[in-house]
N, C-alpha and C. Protein backbone atom coordinates (compact mmCIF):
# COMPACT_ATOMS: atom_id res chain seq x y z
N MET A 1 -26.77 -16.82 45.16
CA MET A 1 -26.37 -15.49 45.59
C MET A 1 -25.04 -15.15 44.93
N ASN A 2 -24.95 -13.93 44.40
CA ASN A 2 -23.73 -13.44 43.78
C ASN A 2 -23.38 -12.07 44.34
N THR A 3 -22.18 -11.62 44.01
CA THR A 3 -21.66 -10.36 44.53
C THR A 3 -21.73 -9.26 43.48
N ALA A 4 -22.02 -8.06 43.94
CA ALA A 4 -22.03 -6.88 43.08
C ALA A 4 -20.93 -5.92 43.53
N LEU A 5 -20.34 -5.23 42.57
CA LEU A 5 -19.45 -4.11 42.91
C LEU A 5 -20.29 -2.88 43.21
N GLU A 6 -21.32 -2.69 42.38
CA GLU A 6 -22.26 -1.61 42.60
C GLU A 6 -23.61 -2.01 42.03
N ALA A 7 -24.61 -1.38 42.56
CA ALA A 7 -25.98 -1.56 42.05
C ALA A 7 -26.59 -0.18 41.98
N ASP A 8 -27.52 0.01 41.06
CA ASP A 8 -28.17 1.30 41.03
C ASP A 8 -29.54 1.23 41.70
N ILE A 9 -30.16 2.37 41.84
CA ILE A 9 -31.41 2.43 42.60
C ILE A 9 -32.57 1.73 41.89
N TYR A 10 -32.35 1.28 40.66
CA TYR A 10 -33.40 0.57 39.94
C TYR A 10 -33.18 -0.94 39.91
N GLY A 11 -32.03 -1.40 40.43
CA GLY A 11 -31.77 -2.82 40.50
C GLY A 11 -30.82 -3.35 39.45
N ASN A 12 -30.22 -2.50 38.65
CA ASN A 12 -29.17 -2.95 37.72
C ASN A 12 -27.91 -3.21 38.53
N VAL A 13 -27.15 -4.23 38.14
CA VAL A 13 -25.96 -4.61 38.90
C VAL A 13 -24.72 -4.62 38.02
N ASN A 14 -23.65 -4.05 38.56
CA ASN A 14 -22.32 -4.08 37.96
C ASN A 14 -21.50 -5.04 38.81
N SER A 15 -21.08 -6.15 38.23
CA SER A 15 -20.28 -7.14 38.95
C SER A 15 -18.81 -7.13 38.56
N THR A 16 -18.45 -6.36 37.55
CA THR A 16 -17.12 -6.55 36.98
C THR A 16 -16.23 -5.33 36.84
N HIS A 17 -16.76 -4.14 36.64
CA HIS A 17 -15.93 -2.99 36.29
C HIS A 17 -15.98 -1.87 37.34
N VAL A 18 -14.84 -1.55 37.93
CA VAL A 18 -14.74 -0.45 38.89
C VAL A 18 -14.88 0.86 38.12
N SER A 19 -15.81 1.69 38.53
CA SER A 19 -16.10 2.97 37.87
C SER A 19 -16.36 2.81 36.38
N GLY A 20 -16.79 1.64 35.99
CA GLY A 20 -17.17 1.39 34.61
C GLY A 20 -16.03 1.14 33.64
N VAL A 21 -14.79 1.26 34.10
CA VAL A 21 -13.67 1.15 33.17
C VAL A 21 -12.58 0.15 33.55
N LYS A 22 -12.38 -0.08 34.82
CA LYS A 22 -11.29 -0.96 35.26
C LYS A 22 -11.88 -2.32 35.65
N MET A 23 -11.52 -3.34 34.87
CA MET A 23 -12.07 -4.67 35.14
C MET A 23 -11.50 -5.22 36.45
N MET A 24 -12.41 -5.57 37.34
CA MET A 24 -12.05 -6.13 38.64
C MET A 24 -12.05 -7.65 38.57
N ASN A 25 -13.05 -8.19 37.87
CA ASN A 25 -13.16 -9.63 37.71
C ASN A 25 -14.08 -9.90 36.52
N GLY A 26 -14.08 -11.13 36.09
CA GLY A 26 -14.95 -11.51 34.99
C GLY A 26 -16.34 -11.82 35.48
N VAL A 27 -17.29 -11.79 34.58
CA VAL A 27 -18.67 -12.07 34.96
C VAL A 27 -18.86 -13.55 35.30
N GLY A 28 -18.02 -14.42 34.74
CA GLY A 28 -18.06 -15.84 35.07
C GLY A 28 -19.44 -16.43 34.90
N GLY A 29 -19.83 -17.24 35.86
CA GLY A 29 -21.13 -17.91 35.79
C GLY A 29 -22.28 -17.12 36.36
N SER A 30 -22.01 -15.90 36.82
CA SER A 30 -23.10 -15.15 37.46
C SER A 30 -24.21 -14.81 36.49
N ALA A 31 -23.90 -14.63 35.22
CA ALA A 31 -24.96 -14.35 34.24
C ALA A 31 -25.87 -15.56 34.08
N ASP A 32 -25.28 -16.74 33.99
CA ASP A 32 -26.08 -17.97 33.89
C ASP A 32 -26.94 -18.14 35.14
N PHE A 33 -26.33 -17.92 36.29
CA PHE A 33 -27.06 -18.02 37.55
C PHE A 33 -28.23 -17.05 37.58
N THR A 34 -27.94 -15.80 37.24
CA THR A 34 -28.96 -14.75 37.33
C THR A 34 -30.15 -15.05 36.45
N ARG A 35 -29.90 -15.51 35.25
CA ARG A 35 -30.98 -15.79 34.32
C ARG A 35 -31.77 -17.05 34.67
N ASN A 36 -31.13 -17.98 35.37
CA ASN A 36 -31.77 -19.28 35.60
C ASN A 36 -32.18 -19.55 37.04
N ALA A 37 -31.77 -18.71 37.97
CA ALA A 37 -32.11 -18.93 39.37
C ALA A 37 -33.59 -18.67 39.61
N PHE A 38 -34.15 -19.40 40.54
CA PHE A 38 -35.54 -19.14 40.93
C PHE A 38 -35.65 -17.74 41.52
N ILE A 39 -34.69 -17.40 42.39
CA ILE A 39 -34.61 -16.05 42.94
C ILE A 39 -33.15 -15.62 42.85
N SER A 40 -32.85 -14.67 41.98
CA SER A 40 -31.47 -14.19 41.84
C SER A 40 -31.22 -13.09 42.87
N ILE A 41 -30.22 -13.33 43.70
CA ILE A 41 -29.89 -12.44 44.80
C ILE A 41 -28.48 -11.91 44.61
N PHE A 42 -28.31 -10.61 44.80
CA PHE A 42 -26.99 -9.99 44.76
C PHE A 42 -26.74 -9.30 46.09
N SER A 43 -25.50 -9.39 46.56
CA SER A 43 -25.16 -8.74 47.81
C SER A 43 -23.86 -7.95 47.64
N CYS A 44 -23.73 -6.93 48.46
CA CYS A 44 -22.52 -6.13 48.51
C CYS A 44 -22.59 -5.27 49.77
N PRO A 45 -21.44 -4.81 50.24
CA PRO A 45 -21.49 -3.83 51.33
C PRO A 45 -22.06 -2.52 50.79
N SER A 46 -22.71 -1.75 51.61
CA SER A 46 -23.31 -0.50 51.13
C SER A 46 -22.28 0.57 50.81
N VAL A 47 -21.11 0.49 51.44
CA VAL A 47 -20.03 1.45 51.20
C VAL A 47 -18.70 0.71 51.09
N ALA A 48 -17.72 1.41 50.52
CA ALA A 48 -16.35 0.88 50.41
C ALA A 48 -15.37 2.00 50.69
N LYS A 49 -14.12 1.63 50.84
CA LYS A 49 -13.03 2.59 51.06
C LYS A 49 -13.33 3.57 52.20
N GLY A 50 -13.70 3.00 53.34
CA GLY A 50 -13.95 3.82 54.52
C GLY A 50 -15.15 4.73 54.39
N GLY A 51 -16.09 4.38 53.53
CA GLY A 51 -17.30 5.18 53.36
C GLY A 51 -17.21 6.21 52.24
N LYS A 52 -16.07 6.31 51.56
CA LYS A 52 -15.92 7.28 50.48
C LYS A 52 -16.63 6.85 49.20
N ILE A 53 -16.98 5.58 49.12
CA ILE A 53 -17.66 5.06 47.94
C ILE A 53 -18.97 4.42 48.35
N SER A 54 -20.05 4.82 47.71
CA SER A 54 -21.34 4.17 47.91
C SER A 54 -21.48 3.08 46.85
N ALA A 55 -21.84 1.88 47.28
CA ALA A 55 -22.05 0.78 46.34
C ALA A 55 -23.41 0.88 45.67
N ILE A 56 -24.30 1.69 46.22
CA ILE A 56 -25.60 1.94 45.61
C ILE A 56 -25.55 3.34 45.03
N VAL A 57 -25.78 3.43 43.72
CA VAL A 57 -25.61 4.69 43.00
C VAL A 57 -26.86 4.98 42.17
N PRO A 58 -27.01 6.20 41.68
CA PRO A 58 -28.18 6.51 40.85
C PRO A 58 -28.22 5.69 39.56
N MET A 59 -27.05 5.48 38.95
CA MET A 59 -26.99 4.73 37.69
C MET A 59 -25.65 4.01 37.63
N CYS A 60 -25.68 2.72 37.37
CA CYS A 60 -24.45 1.93 37.29
C CYS A 60 -23.57 2.41 36.13
N THR A 61 -22.26 2.37 36.36
CA THR A 61 -21.32 2.75 35.31
C THR A 61 -21.14 1.63 34.29
N HIS A 62 -21.53 0.44 34.64
CA HIS A 62 -21.47 -0.73 33.76
C HIS A 62 -22.56 -1.68 34.23
N VAL A 63 -23.28 -2.30 33.33
CA VAL A 63 -24.36 -3.21 33.73
C VAL A 63 -24.05 -4.62 33.24
N ASP A 64 -23.88 -5.52 34.19
CA ASP A 64 -23.73 -6.94 33.88
C ASP A 64 -25.07 -7.66 33.98
N HIS A 65 -25.91 -7.20 34.91
CA HIS A 65 -27.21 -7.84 35.16
C HIS A 65 -28.25 -6.73 35.27
N ASN A 66 -29.23 -6.77 34.38
CA ASN A 66 -30.21 -5.68 34.39
C ASN A 66 -31.33 -5.94 35.39
N GLU A 67 -32.12 -4.91 35.58
CA GLU A 67 -33.18 -4.94 36.61
C GLU A 67 -34.22 -6.02 36.37
N HIS A 68 -34.29 -6.54 35.17
CA HIS A 68 -35.27 -7.59 34.88
C HIS A 68 -34.82 -8.95 35.42
N SER A 69 -33.53 -9.09 35.67
CA SER A 69 -32.99 -10.36 36.16
C SER A 69 -32.68 -10.35 37.65
N VAL A 70 -32.48 -9.18 38.22
CA VAL A 70 -32.12 -9.08 39.64
C VAL A 70 -33.39 -9.03 40.47
N LYS A 71 -33.57 -10.00 41.33
CA LYS A 71 -34.80 -10.11 42.12
C LYS A 71 -34.65 -9.56 43.54
N VAL A 72 -33.47 -9.72 44.15
CA VAL A 72 -33.26 -9.29 45.52
C VAL A 72 -31.87 -8.67 45.62
N LEU A 73 -31.78 -7.56 46.34
CA LEU A 73 -30.50 -6.90 46.60
C LEU A 73 -30.33 -6.81 48.11
N ILE A 74 -29.12 -7.16 48.57
CA ILE A 74 -28.85 -7.17 50.01
C ILE A 74 -27.57 -6.41 50.30
N THR A 75 -27.61 -5.52 51.30
CA THR A 75 -26.41 -4.93 51.89
C THR A 75 -26.53 -5.14 53.39
N GLU A 76 -25.52 -4.72 54.13
CA GLU A 76 -25.60 -4.84 55.59
C GLU A 76 -26.69 -3.93 56.16
N GLN A 77 -27.22 -3.02 55.34
CA GLN A 77 -28.30 -2.14 55.78
C GLN A 77 -29.66 -2.83 55.74
N GLY A 78 -29.79 -3.82 54.84
CA GLY A 78 -31.07 -4.51 54.75
C GLY A 78 -31.27 -5.20 53.41
N ILE A 79 -32.50 -5.62 53.19
CA ILE A 79 -32.87 -6.41 52.01
C ILE A 79 -33.93 -5.66 51.20
N ALA A 80 -33.70 -5.61 49.89
CA ALA A 80 -34.69 -5.04 48.98
C ALA A 80 -35.21 -6.16 48.08
N ASP A 81 -36.44 -6.56 48.31
CA ASP A 81 -37.09 -7.56 47.46
C ASP A 81 -37.74 -6.80 46.32
N LEU A 82 -37.21 -6.95 45.12
CA LEU A 82 -37.63 -6.14 43.97
C LEU A 82 -38.70 -6.80 43.12
N ARG A 83 -39.06 -8.01 43.47
CA ARG A 83 -40.02 -8.77 42.65
C ARG A 83 -41.37 -8.06 42.58
N GLY A 84 -41.86 -7.91 41.35
CA GLY A 84 -43.19 -7.34 41.12
C GLY A 84 -43.29 -5.84 41.30
N LYS A 85 -42.17 -5.15 41.44
CA LYS A 85 -42.19 -3.71 41.68
C LYS A 85 -41.91 -2.94 40.39
N SER A 86 -42.54 -1.79 40.27
CA SER A 86 -42.26 -0.88 39.16
C SER A 86 -40.88 -0.25 39.40
N PRO A 87 -40.30 0.42 38.39
CA PRO A 87 -39.02 1.09 38.60
C PRO A 87 -39.04 2.07 39.77
N ALA A 88 -40.09 2.86 39.89
CA ALA A 88 -40.18 3.82 41.00
C ALA A 88 -40.25 3.09 42.34
N GLU A 89 -40.98 2.01 42.40
CA GLU A 89 -41.08 1.24 43.64
C GLU A 89 -39.75 0.57 43.98
N ARG A 90 -39.03 0.09 42.97
CA ARG A 90 -37.71 -0.51 43.20
C ARG A 90 -36.76 0.53 43.77
N ALA A 91 -36.76 1.73 43.16
CA ALA A 91 -35.87 2.79 43.64
C ALA A 91 -36.14 3.12 45.10
N LYS A 92 -37.38 3.29 45.45
CA LYS A 92 -37.73 3.61 46.84
C LYS A 92 -37.34 2.48 47.79
N CYS A 93 -37.56 1.24 47.37
CA CYS A 93 -37.23 0.07 48.19
C CYS A 93 -35.72 -0.04 48.42
N ILE A 94 -34.95 0.16 47.36
CA ILE A 94 -33.49 0.07 47.48
C ILE A 94 -32.95 1.20 48.34
N ILE A 95 -33.42 2.42 48.10
CA ILE A 95 -32.94 3.55 48.91
C ILE A 95 -33.27 3.33 50.38
N GLU A 96 -34.48 2.94 50.66
CA GLU A 96 -34.91 2.76 52.05
C GLU A 96 -34.18 1.61 52.74
N ASN A 97 -33.95 0.51 52.03
CA ASN A 97 -33.45 -0.70 52.67
C ASN A 97 -31.96 -1.00 52.49
N CYS A 98 -31.33 -0.49 51.45
CA CYS A 98 -29.96 -0.92 51.15
C CYS A 98 -28.91 0.18 51.17
N VAL A 99 -29.30 1.41 50.99
CA VAL A 99 -28.33 2.51 50.94
C VAL A 99 -27.83 2.84 52.34
N HIS A 100 -26.54 3.09 52.44
CA HIS A 100 -25.94 3.49 53.71
C HIS A 100 -26.55 4.83 54.15
N PRO A 101 -26.77 5.01 55.45
CA PRO A 101 -27.38 6.27 55.93
C PRO A 101 -26.65 7.54 55.47
N ASP A 102 -25.34 7.46 55.30
CA ASP A 102 -24.58 8.63 54.85
C ASP A 102 -24.92 9.04 53.42
N TYR A 103 -25.52 8.14 52.63
CA TYR A 103 -25.82 8.41 51.23
C TYR A 103 -27.32 8.46 50.93
N LYS A 104 -28.15 8.15 51.91
CA LYS A 104 -29.60 8.12 51.65
C LYS A 104 -30.13 9.44 51.12
N GLN A 105 -29.75 10.54 51.75
CA GLN A 105 -30.28 11.83 51.32
C GLN A 105 -29.85 12.16 49.89
N LEU A 106 -28.62 11.82 49.53
CA LEU A 106 -28.17 12.03 48.14
C LEU A 106 -29.04 11.25 47.16
N MET A 107 -29.37 10.01 47.51
CA MET A 107 -30.20 9.18 46.61
C MET A 107 -31.62 9.74 46.52
N TRP A 108 -32.18 10.17 47.66
CA TRP A 108 -33.52 10.77 47.62
C TRP A 108 -33.49 12.06 46.79
N ASP A 109 -32.42 12.85 46.94
CA ASP A 109 -32.29 14.09 46.17
C ASP A 109 -32.24 13.78 44.67
N TYR A 110 -31.47 12.76 44.31
CA TYR A 110 -31.39 12.38 42.90
C TYR A 110 -32.76 11.95 42.38
N LEU A 111 -33.42 11.10 43.12
CA LEU A 111 -34.73 10.60 42.68
C LEU A 111 -35.72 11.75 42.51
N LYS A 112 -35.61 12.75 43.37
CA LYS A 112 -36.51 13.91 43.30
C LYS A 112 -36.29 14.73 42.03
N ILE A 113 -35.05 14.85 41.57
CA ILE A 113 -34.78 15.66 40.38
C ILE A 113 -34.82 14.85 39.08
N ALA A 114 -34.83 13.53 39.19
CA ALA A 114 -34.83 12.69 37.99
C ALA A 114 -36.09 12.96 37.18
N GLN A 115 -35.91 13.00 35.87
CA GLN A 115 -37.04 13.25 34.99
C GLN A 115 -38.03 12.10 35.08
N LYS A 116 -39.26 12.44 34.96
CA LYS A 116 -40.31 11.43 35.05
C LYS A 116 -40.35 10.58 33.79
N GLY A 117 -40.68 9.34 33.95
CA GLY A 117 -40.76 8.40 32.85
C GLY A 117 -40.83 7.00 33.45
N GLN A 118 -40.76 6.00 32.63
CA GLN A 118 -40.82 4.64 33.15
C GLN A 118 -39.70 4.39 34.16
N THR A 119 -38.48 4.75 33.78
CA THR A 119 -37.34 4.70 34.70
C THR A 119 -36.78 6.11 34.75
N SER A 120 -37.04 6.82 35.82
CA SER A 120 -36.67 8.23 35.92
C SER A 120 -35.17 8.42 36.08
N HIS A 121 -34.60 9.25 35.22
CA HIS A 121 -33.19 9.60 35.33
C HIS A 121 -32.99 11.06 34.98
N ALA A 122 -32.00 11.65 35.59
CA ALA A 122 -31.50 12.96 35.22
C ALA A 122 -30.11 12.67 34.65
N LEU A 123 -30.03 12.44 33.35
CA LEU A 123 -28.79 11.97 32.75
C LEU A 123 -27.61 12.90 32.99
N ASP A 124 -27.86 14.19 33.11
CA ASP A 124 -26.76 15.12 33.38
C ASP A 124 -26.26 15.01 34.82
N LYS A 125 -27.00 14.32 35.68
CA LYS A 125 -26.62 14.17 37.09
C LYS A 125 -26.36 12.72 37.50
N ALA A 126 -26.67 11.77 36.63
CA ALA A 126 -26.66 10.35 36.98
C ALA A 126 -25.32 9.85 37.52
N PHE A 127 -24.22 10.43 37.03
CA PHE A 127 -22.90 9.97 37.47
C PHE A 127 -22.21 10.97 38.39
N ALA A 128 -22.97 11.82 39.05
CA ALA A 128 -22.40 12.84 39.93
C ALA A 128 -21.56 12.22 41.06
N LEU A 129 -21.99 11.09 41.60
CA LEU A 129 -21.21 10.44 42.65
C LEU A 129 -19.88 9.94 42.10
N HIS A 130 -19.91 9.34 40.92
CA HIS A 130 -18.67 8.85 40.31
C HIS A 130 -17.74 10.01 39.97
N LYS A 131 -18.31 11.10 39.50
CA LYS A 131 -17.51 12.28 39.17
C LYS A 131 -16.84 12.85 40.42
N ALA A 132 -17.59 12.93 41.52
CA ALA A 132 -17.03 13.43 42.77
C ALA A 132 -15.89 12.52 43.26
N LEU A 133 -16.06 11.22 43.10
CA LEU A 133 -15.01 10.29 43.50
C LEU A 133 -13.76 10.50 42.66
N ALA A 134 -13.92 10.63 41.35
CA ALA A 134 -12.79 10.81 40.45
C ALA A 134 -12.07 12.14 40.69
N GLU A 135 -12.83 13.20 40.93
CA GLU A 135 -12.24 14.53 41.06
C GLU A 135 -11.83 14.90 42.48
N LYS A 136 -12.59 14.42 43.48
CA LYS A 136 -12.36 14.85 44.86
C LYS A 136 -12.03 13.70 45.80
N GLY A 137 -12.14 12.46 45.31
CA GLY A 137 -11.78 11.31 46.12
C GLY A 137 -12.85 10.84 47.08
N ASP A 138 -14.07 11.38 46.97
CA ASP A 138 -15.12 11.02 47.93
C ASP A 138 -16.50 11.28 47.31
N MET A 139 -17.33 10.25 47.28
CA MET A 139 -18.67 10.39 46.72
C MET A 139 -19.58 11.27 47.57
N HIS A 140 -19.24 11.45 48.85
CA HIS A 140 -20.03 12.33 49.71
C HIS A 140 -20.09 13.75 49.16
N LEU A 141 -19.11 14.12 48.38
CA LEU A 141 -18.98 15.48 47.89
C LEU A 141 -19.76 15.73 46.59
N ALA A 142 -20.56 14.76 46.22
CA ALA A 142 -21.38 14.89 45.01
C ALA A 142 -22.43 15.98 45.19
N GLU A 143 -22.72 16.66 44.09
CA GLU A 143 -23.76 17.67 44.08
C GLU A 143 -24.68 17.44 42.90
N PHE A 144 -25.96 17.59 43.15
CA PHE A 144 -26.94 17.48 42.08
C PHE A 144 -27.39 18.86 41.73
């Protein structure tokens, strides 16, 4: 089991960079663990800074561990077992089981507008939560 700073709704994990730019810690042995573990598990709280930051986001600002290596994601909200799931199934599982209730509707809204494809994204909206945090100090204020 390793720690994530943030994870996205598809199971990509950022373990090292706050908002994609400020290094919090090194990746260390977590990459070796993730690639070689029978079941690679990442955990994090669903929110930080008094709820102003969601640890589960539409798209990670930095990816240390991609969705192919992350098998299970855990927050205090629940467990998302991602094994054998398509990208759409992973997104629904993570939103339902790991996202804080204050952010669930935002994640469902994002998934609804994301362009269809193997891994659905609306690239012009993918970092709306991070933008709201940078500009307004709170991810709750994100708009899609």
